[in-house]
């Protein structure tokens, strides 16, 4: 089990933190951004696999940004999961 913090790109939150237990994501938290929405998102994805999160959230776009908080979470969990497999 590892805790990760990433800096998302082109969204309001300044960081996203989460724990990976194999490919299961737990304890997601965002710093800044739409507090209520991001707390709800964090609760909804708790216990999902990296693949499930990608399936639901990857590619969701916020306005003209080309990404969103949800999309950045999906990208972050995949990136850190792939890194954890190389160790």
PDB file of N, CA and C in Angstrom:
ATOM      1  N   UNK A   1       0.851  -1.169   0.000  1.00  0.00           N
ATOM      2  CA  UNK A   1       0.000   0.000   0.000  1.00  0.00           C
ATOM      3  C   UNK A   1       0.896   1.231   0.000  1.00  0.00           C
ATOM      4  N   UNK A   2       0.646   2.130  -0.971  1.00  0.00           N
ATOM      5  CA  UNK A   2       1.451   3.348  -1.092  1.00  0.00           C
ATOM      6  C   UNK A   2       0.534   4.556  -1.235  1.00  0.00           C
ATOM      7  N   UNK A   3       0.957   5.659  -0.638  1.00  0.00           N
ATOM      8  CA  UNK A   3       0.245   6.937  -0.752  1.00  0.00           C
ATOM      9  C   UNK A   3       0.978   7.799  -1.777  1.00  0.00           C
ATOM     10  N   UNK A   4       0.221   8.390  -2.693  1.00  0.00           N
ATOM     11  CA  UNK A   4       0.794   9.223  -3.745  1.00  0.00           C
ATOM     12  C   UNK A   4       0.146  10.596  -3.735  1.00  0.00           C
ATOM     13  N   UNK A   5       0.908  11.593  -4.127  1.00  0.00           N
ATOM     14  CA  UNK A   5       0.395  12.942  -4.352  1.00  0.00           C
ATOM     15  C   UNK A   5       0.910  13.407  -5.696  1.00  0.00           C
ATOM     16  N   UNK A   6       0.002  13.889  -6.515  1.00  0.00           N
ATOM     17  CA  UNK A   6       0.359  14.366  -7.852  1.00  0.00           C
ATOM     18  C   UNK A   6      -0.129  15.797  -8.022  1.00  0.00           C
ATOM     19  N   UNK A   7       0.505  16.510  -8.934  1.00  0.00           N
ATOM     20  CA  UNK A   7       0.104  17.872  -9.284  1.00  0.00           C
ATOM     21  C   UNK A   7      -0.650  17.796 -10.606  1.00  0.00           C
ATOM     22  N   UNK A   8      -1.962  18.038 -10.580  1.00  0.00           N
ATOM     23  CA  UNK A   8      -2.738  17.963 -11.816  1.00  0.00           C
ATOM     24  C   UNK A   8      -2.472  19.160 -12.731  1.00  0.00           C
ATOM     25  N   UNK A   9      -2.810  19.014 -13.990  1.00  0.00           N
ATOM     26  CA  UNK A   9      -2.569  20.044 -14.999  1.00  0.00           C
ATOM     27  C   UNK A   9      -3.888  20.633 -15.498  1.00  0.00           C
ATOM     28  N   UNK A  10      -3.930  21.955 -15.627  1.00  0.00           N
ATOM     29  CA  UNK A  10      -5.057  22.673 -16.236  1.00  0.00           C
ATOM     30  C   UNK A  10      -6.390  22.512 -15.515  1.00  0.00           C
ATOM     31  N   UNK A  11      -6.346  22.309 -14.190  1.00  0.00           N
ATOM     32  CA  UNK A  11      -7.564  22.248 -13.372  1.00  0.00           C
ATOM     33  C   UNK A  11      -7.359  23.070 -12.109  1.00  0.00           C
ATOM     34  N   UNK A  12      -8.421  23.297 -11.372  1.00  0.00           N
ATOM     35  CA  UNK A  12      -8.367  24.135 -10.173  1.00  0.00           C
ATOM     36  C   UNK A  12      -7.593  23.520  -9.005  1.00  0.00           C
ATOM     37  N   UNK A  13      -7.753  22.221  -8.703  1.00  0.00           N
ATOM     38  CA  UNK A  13      -6.997  21.664  -7.583  1.00  0.00           C
ATOM     39  C   UNK A  13      -5.486  21.773  -7.789  1.00  0.00           C
ATOM     40  N   UNK A  14      -4.768  21.992  -6.685  1.00  0.00           N
ATOM     41  CA  UNK A  14      -3.311  22.090  -6.757  1.00  0.00           C
ATOM     42  C   UNK A  14      -2.636  20.750  -6.518  1.00  0.00           C
ATOM     43  N   UNK A  15      -3.377  19.793  -5.941  1.00  0.00           N
ATOM     44  CA  UNK A  15      -2.832  18.442  -5.790  1.00  0.00           C
ATOM     45  C   UNK A  15      -3.963  17.433  -5.620  1.00  0.00           C
ATOM     46  N   UNK A  16      -3.638  16.197  -5.971  1.00  0.00           N
ATOM     47  CA  UNK A  16      -4.527  15.052  -5.769  1.00  0.00           C
ATOM     48  C   UNK A  16      -3.711  14.000  -5.035  1.00  0.00           C
ATOM     49  N   UNK A  17      -4.259  13.494  -3.931  1.00  0.00           N
ATOM     50  CA  UNK A  17      -3.587  12.430  -3.175  1.00  0.00           C
ATOM     51  C   UNK A  17      -4.495  11.205  -3.122  1.00  0.00           C
ATOM     52  N   UNK A  18      -3.870  10.037  -3.106  1.00  0.00           N
ATOM     53  CA  UNK A  18      -4.631   8.793  -3.032  1.00  0.00           C
ATOM     54  C   UNK A  18      -3.703   7.671  -2.601  1.00  0.00           C
ATOM     55  N   UNK A  19      -4.301   6.586  -2.152  1.00  0.00           N
ATOM     56  CA  UNK A  19      -3.574   5.388  -1.768  1.00  0.00           C
ATOM     57  C   UNK A  19      -3.892   4.296  -2.776  1.00  0.00           C
ATOM     58  N   UNK A  20      -2.864   3.564  -3.179  1.00  0.00           N
ATOM     59  CA  UNK A  20      -3.041   2.403  -4.049  1.00  0.00           C
ATOM     60  C   UNK A  20      -2.753   1.137  -3.250  1.00  0.00           C
ATOM     61  N   UNK A  21      -3.705   0.219  -3.275  1.00  0.00           N
ATOM     62  CA  UNK A  21      -3.531  -1.118  -2.716  1.00  0.00           C
ATOM     63  C   UNK A  21      -3.624  -2.067  -3.899  1.00  0.00           C
ATOM     64  N   UNK A  22      -2.494  -2.372  -4.506  1.00  0.00           N
ATOM     65  CA  UNK A  22      -2.511  -3.101  -5.776  1.00  0.00           C
ATOM     66  C   UNK A  22      -3.084  -2.170  -6.820  1.00  0.00           C
ATOM     67  N   UNK A  23      -4.223  -2.566  -7.427  1.00  0.00           N
ATOM     68  CA  UNK A  23      -4.861  -1.678  -8.393  1.00  0.00           C
ATOM     69  C   UNK A  23      -6.134  -1.038  -7.839  1.00  0.00           C
ATOM     70  N   UNK A  24      -6.327  -1.111  -6.528  1.00  0.00           N
ATOM     71  CA  UNK A  24      -7.494  -0.524  -5.869  1.00  0.00           C
ATOM     72  C   UNK A  24      -7.124   0.838  -5.289  1.00  0.00           C
ATOM     73  N   UNK A  25      -7.974   1.826  -5.571  1.00  0.00           N
ATOM     74  CA  UNK A  25      -7.730   3.206  -5.150  1.00  0.00           C
ATOM     75  C   UNK A  25      -8.551   3.507  -3.895  1.00  0.00           C
ATOM     76  N   UNK A  26      -7.893   4.120  -2.928  1.00  0.00           N
ATOM     77  CA  UNK A  26      -8.555   4.477  -1.668  1.00  0.00           C
ATOM     78  C   UNK A  26      -8.131   5.876  -1.231  1.00  0.00           C
ATOM     79  N   UNK A  27      -8.945   6.457  -0.363  1.00  0.00           N
ATOM     80  CA  UNK A  27      -8.604   7.708   0.342  1.00  0.00           C
ATOM     81  C   UNK A  27      -8.177   8.834  -0.600  1.00  0.00           C
ATOM     82  N   UNK A  28      -8.981   9.103  -1.619  1.00  0.00           N
ATOM     83  CA  UNK A  28      -8.677  10.185  -2.560  1.00  0.00           C
ATOM     84  C   UNK A  28      -8.994  11.520  -1.902  1.00  0.00           C
ATOM     85  N   UNK A  29      -8.098  12.477  -2.082  1.00  0.00           N
ATOM     86  CA  UNK A  29      -8.356  13.834  -1.608  1.00  0.00           C
ATOM     87  C   UNK A  29      -7.757  14.841  -2.573  1.00  0.00           C
ATOM     88  N   UNK A  30      -8.431  15.963  -2.688  1.00  0.00           N
ATOM     89  CA  UNK A  30      -8.011  17.058  -3.551  1.00  0.00           C
ATOM     90  C   UNK A  30      -7.719  18.277  -2.686  1.00  0.00           C
ATOM     91  N   UNK A  31      -6.731  19.068  -3.063  1.00  0.00           N
ATOM     92  CA  UNK A  31      -6.473  20.345  -2.422  1.00  0.00           C
ATOM     93  C   UNK A  31      -6.938  21.431  -3.381  1.00  0.00           C
ATOM     94  N   UNK A  32      -7.853  22.257  -2.907  1.00  0.00           N
ATOM     95  CA  UNK A  32      -8.511  23.327  -3.681  1.00  0.00           C
ATOM     96  C   UNK A  32      -9.513  22.737  -4.652  1.00  0.00           C
ATOM     97  N   UNK A  33     -10.119  23.586  -5.451  1.00  0.00           N
ATOM     98  CA  UNK A  33     -11.128  23.137  -6.392  1.00  0.00           C
ATOM     99  C   UNK A  33     -12.524  23.206  -5.790  1.00  0.00           C
ATOM    100  N   UNK A  34     -13.486  22.616  -6.436  1.00  0.00           N
ATOM    101  CA  UNK A  34     -14.893  22.622  -6.009  1.00  0.00           C
ATOM    102  C   UNK A  34     -15.076  21.623  -4.876  1.00  0.00           C
ATOM    103  N   UNK A  35     -14.982  22.114  -3.659  1.00  0.00           N
ATOM    104  CA  UNK A  35     -14.881  21.262  -2.472  1.00  0.00           C
ATOM    105  C   UNK A  35     -15.960  20.177  -2.402  1.00  0.00           C
ATOM    106  N   UNK A  36     -17.220  20.552  -2.510  1.00  0.00           N
ATOM    107  CA  UNK A  36     -18.296  19.563  -2.393  1.00  0.00           C
ATOM    108  C   UNK A  36     -18.256  18.522  -3.490  1.00  0.00           C
ATOM    109  N   UNK A  37     -18.051  18.972  -4.716  1.00  0.00           N
ATOM    110  CA  UNK A  37     -17.996  18.032  -5.843  1.00  0.00           C
ATOM    111  C   UNK A  37     -16.818  17.076  -5.725  1.00  0.00           C
ATOM    112  N   UNK A  38     -15.671  17.591  -5.308  1.00  0.00           N
ATOM    113  CA  UNK A  38     -14.484  16.737  -5.222  1.00  0.00           C
ATOM    114  C   UNK A  38     -14.553  15.780  -4.037  1.00  0.00           C
ATOM    115  N   UNK A  39     -15.208  16.197  -2.947  1.00  0.00           N
ATOM    116  CA  UNK A  39     -15.434  15.265  -1.833  1.00  0.00           C
ATOM    117  C   UNK A  39     -16.360  14.137  -2.281  1.00  0.00           C
ATOM    118  N   UNK A  40     -17.388  14.489  -3.042  1.00  0.00           N
ATOM    119  CA  UNK A  40     -18.315  13.465  -3.549  1.00  0.00           C
ATOM    120  C   UNK A  40     -17.598  12.516  -4.503  1.00  0.00           C
ATOM    121  N   UNK A  41     -16.810  13.072  -5.412  1.00  0.00           N
ATOM    122  CA  UNK A  41     -16.042  12.239  -6.351  1.00  0.00           C
ATOM    123  C   UNK A  41     -15.131  11.285  -5.585  1.00  0.00           C
ATOM    124  N   UNK A  42     -14.477  11.793  -4.562  1.00  0.00           N
ATOM    125  CA  UNK A  42     -13.567  10.968  -3.759  1.00  0.00           C
ATOM    126  C   UNK A  42     -14.301   9.800  -3.107  1.00  0.00           C
ATOM    127  N   UNK A  43     -15.489  10.049  -2.593  1.00  0.00           N
ATOM    128  CA  UNK A  43     -16.282   8.981  -1.974  1.00  0.00           C
ATOM    129  C   UNK A  43     -16.734   7.959  -3.008  1.00  0.00           C
ATOM    130  N   UNK A  44     -17.127   8.443  -4.177  1.00  0.00           N
ATOM    131  CA  UNK A  44     -17.637   7.545  -5.215  1.00  0.00           C
ATOM    132  C   UNK A  44     -16.573   6.582  -5.738  1.00  0.00           C
ATOM    133  N   UNK A  45     -15.339   7.039  -5.848  1.00  0.00           N
ATOM    134  CA  UNK A  45     -14.300   6.179  -6.418  1.00  0.00           C
ATOM    135  C   UNK A  45     -13.590   5.324  -5.375  1.00  0.00           C
ATOM    136  N   UNK A  46     -13.819   5.573  -4.098  1.00  0.00           N
ATOM    137  CA  UNK A  46     -13.131   4.814  -3.051  1.00  0.00           C
ATOM    138  C   UNK A  46     -13.425   3.321  -3.191  1.00  0.00           C
ATOM    139  N   UNK A  47     -12.387   2.534  -3.353  1.00  0.00           N
ATOM    140  CA  UNK A  47     -12.530   1.090  -3.515  1.00  0.00           C
ATOM    141  C   UNK A  47     -12.606   0.622  -4.955  1.00  0.00           C
ATOM    142  N   UNK A  48     -12.651   1.553  -5.905  1.00  0.00           N
ATOM    143  CA  UNK A  48     -12.659   1.177  -7.319  1.00  0.00           C
ATOM    144  C   UNK A  48     -11.248   0.819  -7.767  1.00  0.00           C
ATOM    145  N   UNK A  49     -11.171   0.054  -8.831  1.00  0.00           N
ATOM    146  CA  UNK A  49      -9.875  -0.255  -9.427  1.00  0.00           C
ATOM    147  C   UNK A  49      -9.459   0.878 -10.359  1.00  0.00           C
ATOM    148  N   UNK A  50      -8.197   0.877 -10.696  1.00  0.00           N
ATOM    149  CA  UNK A  50      -7.675   1.845 -11.657  1.00  0.00           C
ATOM    150  C   UNK A  50      -8.471   1.751 -12.957  1.00  0.00           C
ATOM    151  N   UNK A  51      -8.747   0.551 -13.412  1.00  0.00           N
ATOM    152  CA  UNK A  51      -9.476   0.334 -14.661  1.00  0.00           C
ATOM    153  C   UNK A  51     -10.907   0.876 -14.585  1.00  0.00           C
ATOM    154  N   UNK A  52     -11.561   0.673 -13.452  1.00  0.00           N
ATOM    155  CA  UNK A  52     -12.925   1.191 -13.292  1.00  0.00           C
ATOM    156  C   UNK A  52     -12.934   2.719 -13.312  1.00  0.00           C
ATOM    157  N   UNK A  53     -11.990   3.325 -12.610  1.00  0.00           N
ATOM    158  CA  UNK A  53     -11.913   4.786 -12.586  1.00  0.00           C
ATOM    159  C   UNK A  53     -11.663   5.323 -13.986  1.00  0.00           C
ATOM    160  N   UNK A  54     -10.740   4.708 -14.706  1.00  0.00           N
ATOM    161  CA  UNK A  54     -10.489   5.135 -16.091  1.00  0.00           C
ATOM    162  C   UNK A  54     -11.759   5.007 -16.941  1.00  0.00           C
ATOM    163  N   UNK A  55     -12.457   3.905 -16.801  1.00  0.00           N
ATOM    164  CA  UNK A  55     -13.655   3.669 -17.591  1.00  0.00           C
ATOM    165  C   UNK A  55     -14.737   4.719 -17.364  1.00  0.00           C
ATOM    166  N   UNK A  56     -14.882   5.156 -16.126  1.00  0.00           N
ATOM    167  CA  UNK A  56     -15.898   6.148 -15.797  1.00  0.00           C
ATOM    168  C   UNK A  56     -15.438   7.584 -16.042  1.00  0.00           C
ATOM    169  N   UNK A  57     -14.180   7.881 -15.776  1.00  0.00           N
ATOM    170  CA  UNK A  57     -13.768   9.279 -15.678  1.00  0.00           C
ATOM    171  C   UNK A  57     -12.809   9.789 -16.753  1.00  0.00           C
ATOM    172  N   UNK A  58     -12.007   8.910 -17.334  1.00  0.00           N
ATOM    173  CA  UNK A  58     -11.021   9.378 -18.311  1.00  0.00           C
ATOM    174  C   UNK A  58     -11.729   9.986 -19.516  1.00  0.00           C
ATOM    175  N   UNK A  59     -11.281  11.155 -19.908  1.00  0.00           N
ATOM    176  CA  UNK A  59     -11.850  11.836 -21.060  1.00  0.00           C
ATOM    177  C   UNK A  59     -12.952  12.822 -20.739  1.00  0.00           C
ATOM    178  N   UNK A  60     -13.389  12.886 -19.477  1.00  0.00           N
ATOM    179  CA  UNK A  60     -14.366  13.915 -19.092  1.00  0.00           C
ATOM    180  C   UNK A  60     -13.685  15.269 -19.162  1.00  0.00           C
ATOM    181  N   UNK A  61     -14.334  16.216 -19.801  1.00  0.00           N
ATOM    182  CA  UNK A  61     -13.728  17.518 -20.067  1.00  0.00           C
ATOM    183  C   UNK A  61     -14.501  18.617 -19.338  1.00  0.00           C
ATOM    184  N   UNK A  62     -13.772  19.587 -18.792  1.00  0.00           N
ATOM    185  CA  UNK A  62     -14.343  20.761 -18.122  1.00  0.00           C
ATOM    186  C   UNK A  62     -14.100  21.989 -18.997  1.00  0.00           C
ATOM    187  N   UNK A  63     -15.181  22.517 -19.538  1.00  0.00           N
ATOM    188  CA  UNK A  63     -15.117  23.719 -20.387  1.00  0.00           C
ATOM    189  C   UNK A  63     -14.081  23.555 -21.495  1.00  0.00           C
ATOM    190  N   UNK A  64     -13.242  24.551 -21.690  1.00  0.00           N
ATOM    191  CA  UNK A  64     -12.255  24.535 -22.784  1.00  0.00           C
ATOM    192  C   UNK A  64     -10.891  23.999 -22.334  1.00  0.00           C
ATOM    193  N   UNK A  65     -10.805  23.422 -21.170  1.00  0.00           N
ATOM    194  CA  UNK A  65      -9.518  23.016 -20.598  1.00  0.00           C
ATOM    195  C   UNK A  65      -8.909  21.785 -21.255  1.00  0.00           C
ATOM    196  N   UNK A  66      -9.711  20.970 -21.881  1.00  0.00           N
ATOM    197  CA  UNK A  66      -9.200  19.744 -22.478  1.00  0.00           C
ATOM    198  C   UNK A  66      -9.015  18.630 -21.467  1.00  0.00           C
ATOM    199  N   UNK A  67      -9.410  18.866 -20.235  1.00  0.00           N
ATOM    200  CA  UNK A  67      -9.311  17.890 -19.150  1.00  0.00           C
ATOM    201  C   UNK A  67     -10.294  18.317 -18.065  1.00  0.00           C
ATOM    202  N   UNK A  68     -10.294  17.596 -16.955  1.00  0.00           N
ATOM    203  CA  UNK A  68     -11.131  17.938 -15.801  1.00  0.00           C
ATOM    204  C   UNK A  68     -10.490  17.330 -14.565  1.00  0.00           C
ATOM    205  N   UNK A  69     -11.038  17.648 -13.414  1.00  0.00           N
ATOM    206  CA  UNK A  69     -10.530  17.046 -12.172  1.00  0.00           C
ATOM    207  C   UNK A  69     -10.663  15.523 -12.226  1.00  0.00           C
ATOM    208  N   UNK A  70     -11.811  15.059 -12.727  1.00  0.00           N
ATOM    209  CA  UNK A  70     -12.040  13.615 -12.834  1.00  0.00           C
ATOM    210  C   UNK A  70     -11.063  12.970 -13.811  1.00  0.00           C
ATOM    211  N   UNK A  71     -10.853  13.613 -14.950  1.00  0.00           N
ATOM    212  CA  UNK A  71      -9.904  13.116 -15.938  1.00  0.00           C
ATOM    213  C   UNK A  71      -8.489  13.088 -15.363  1.00  0.00           C
ATOM    214  N   UNK A  72      -8.112  14.124 -14.637  1.00  0.00           N
ATOM    215  CA  UNK A  72      -6.782  14.173 -14.037  1.00  0.00           C
ATOM    216  C   UNK A  72      -6.608  13.079 -12.990  1.00  0.00           C
ATOM    217  N   UNK A  73      -7.667  12.778 -12.243  1.00  0.00           N
ATOM    218  CA  UNK A  73      -7.606  11.668 -11.284  1.00  0.00           C
ATOM    219  C   UNK A  73      -7.382  10.351 -12.012  1.00  0.00           C
ATOM    220  N   UNK A  74      -8.134  10.113 -13.079  1.00  0.00           N
ATOM    221  CA  UNK A  74      -7.985   8.872 -13.848  1.00  0.00           C
ATOM    222  C   UNK A  74      -6.568   8.737 -14.399  1.00  0.00           C
ATOM    223  N   UNK A  75      -6.024   9.813 -14.912  1.00  0.00           N
ATOM    224  CA  UNK A  75      -4.659   9.779 -15.445  1.00  0.00           C
ATOM    225  C   UNK A  75      -3.634   9.537 -14.334  1.00  0.00           C
ATOM    226  N   UNK A  76      -3.859  10.180 -13.183  1.00  0.00           N
ATOM    227  CA  UNK A  76      -2.911  10.059 -12.067  1.00  0.00           C
ATOM    228  C   UNK A  76      -2.869   8.644 -11.504  1.00  0.00           C
ATOM    229  N   UNK A  77      -4.043   8.040 -11.310  1.00  0.00           N
ATOM    230  CA  UNK A  77      -4.038   6.691 -10.732  1.00  0.00           C
ATOM    231  C   UNK A  77      -3.401   5.694 -11.698  1.00  0.00           C
ATOM    232  N   UNK A  78      -3.626   5.872 -12.994  1.00  0.00           N
ATOM    233  CA  UNK A  78      -2.991   4.987 -13.979  1.00  0.00           C
ATOM    234  C   UNK A  78      -1.479   5.170 -13.963  1.00  0.00           C
ATOM    235  N   UNK A  79      -1.031   6.420 -13.968  1.00  0.00           N
ATOM    236  CA  UNK A  79       0.409   6.698 -13.968  1.00  0.00           C
ATOM    237  C   UNK A  79       1.100   6.077 -12.753  1.00  0.00           C
ATOM    238  N   UNK A  80       0.534   6.295 -11.576  1.00  0.00           N
ATOM    239  CA  UNK A  80       1.175   5.776 -10.361  1.00  0.00           C
ATOM    240  C   UNK A  80       1.058   4.256 -10.271  1.00  0.00           C
ATOM    241  N   UNK A  81      -0.031   3.695 -10.763  1.00  0.00           N
ATOM    242  CA  UNK A  81      -0.162   2.246 -10.788  1.00  0.00           C
ATOM    243  C   UNK A  81       0.909   1.628 -11.681  1.00  0.00           C
ATOM    244  N   UNK A  82       1.114   2.193 -12.860  1.00  0.00           N
ATOM    245  CA  UNK A  82       2.142   1.680 -13.769  1.00  0.00           C
ATOM    246  C   UNK A  82       3.544   1.822 -13.143  1.00  0.00           C
ATOM    247  N   UNK A  83       3.786   2.944 -12.486  1.00  0.00           N
ATOM    248  CA  UNK A  83       5.082   3.135 -11.798  1.00  0.00           C
ATOM    249  C   UNK A  83       5.269   2.083 -10.707  1.00  0.00           C
ATOM    250  N   UNK A  84       4.207   1.782  -9.967  1.00  0.00           N
ATOM    251  CA  UNK A  84       4.327   0.824  -8.859  1.00  0.00           C
ATOM    252  C   UNK A  84       4.630  -0.580  -9.362  1.00  0.00           C
ATOM    253  N   UNK A  85       4.220  -0.916 -10.568  1.00  0.00           N
ATOM    254  CA  UNK A  85       4.498  -2.235 -11.129  1.00  0.00           C
ATOM    255  C   UNK A  85       5.951  -2.378 -11.543  1.00  0.00           C
ATOM    256  N   UNK A  86       6.636  -1.255 -11.827  1.00  0.00           N
ATOM    257  CA  UNK A  86       8.041  -1.298 -12.257  1.00  0.00           C
ATOM    258  C   UNK A  86       9.000  -1.424 -11.087  1.00  0.00           C
ATOM    259  N   UNK A  87       8.524  -1.139  -9.896  1.00  0.00           N
ATOM    260  CA  UNK A  87       9.423  -1.165  -8.721  1.00  0.00           C
ATOM    261  C   UNK A  87       9.716  -2.563  -8.270  1.00  0.00           C
TER     262      UNK A  87
END
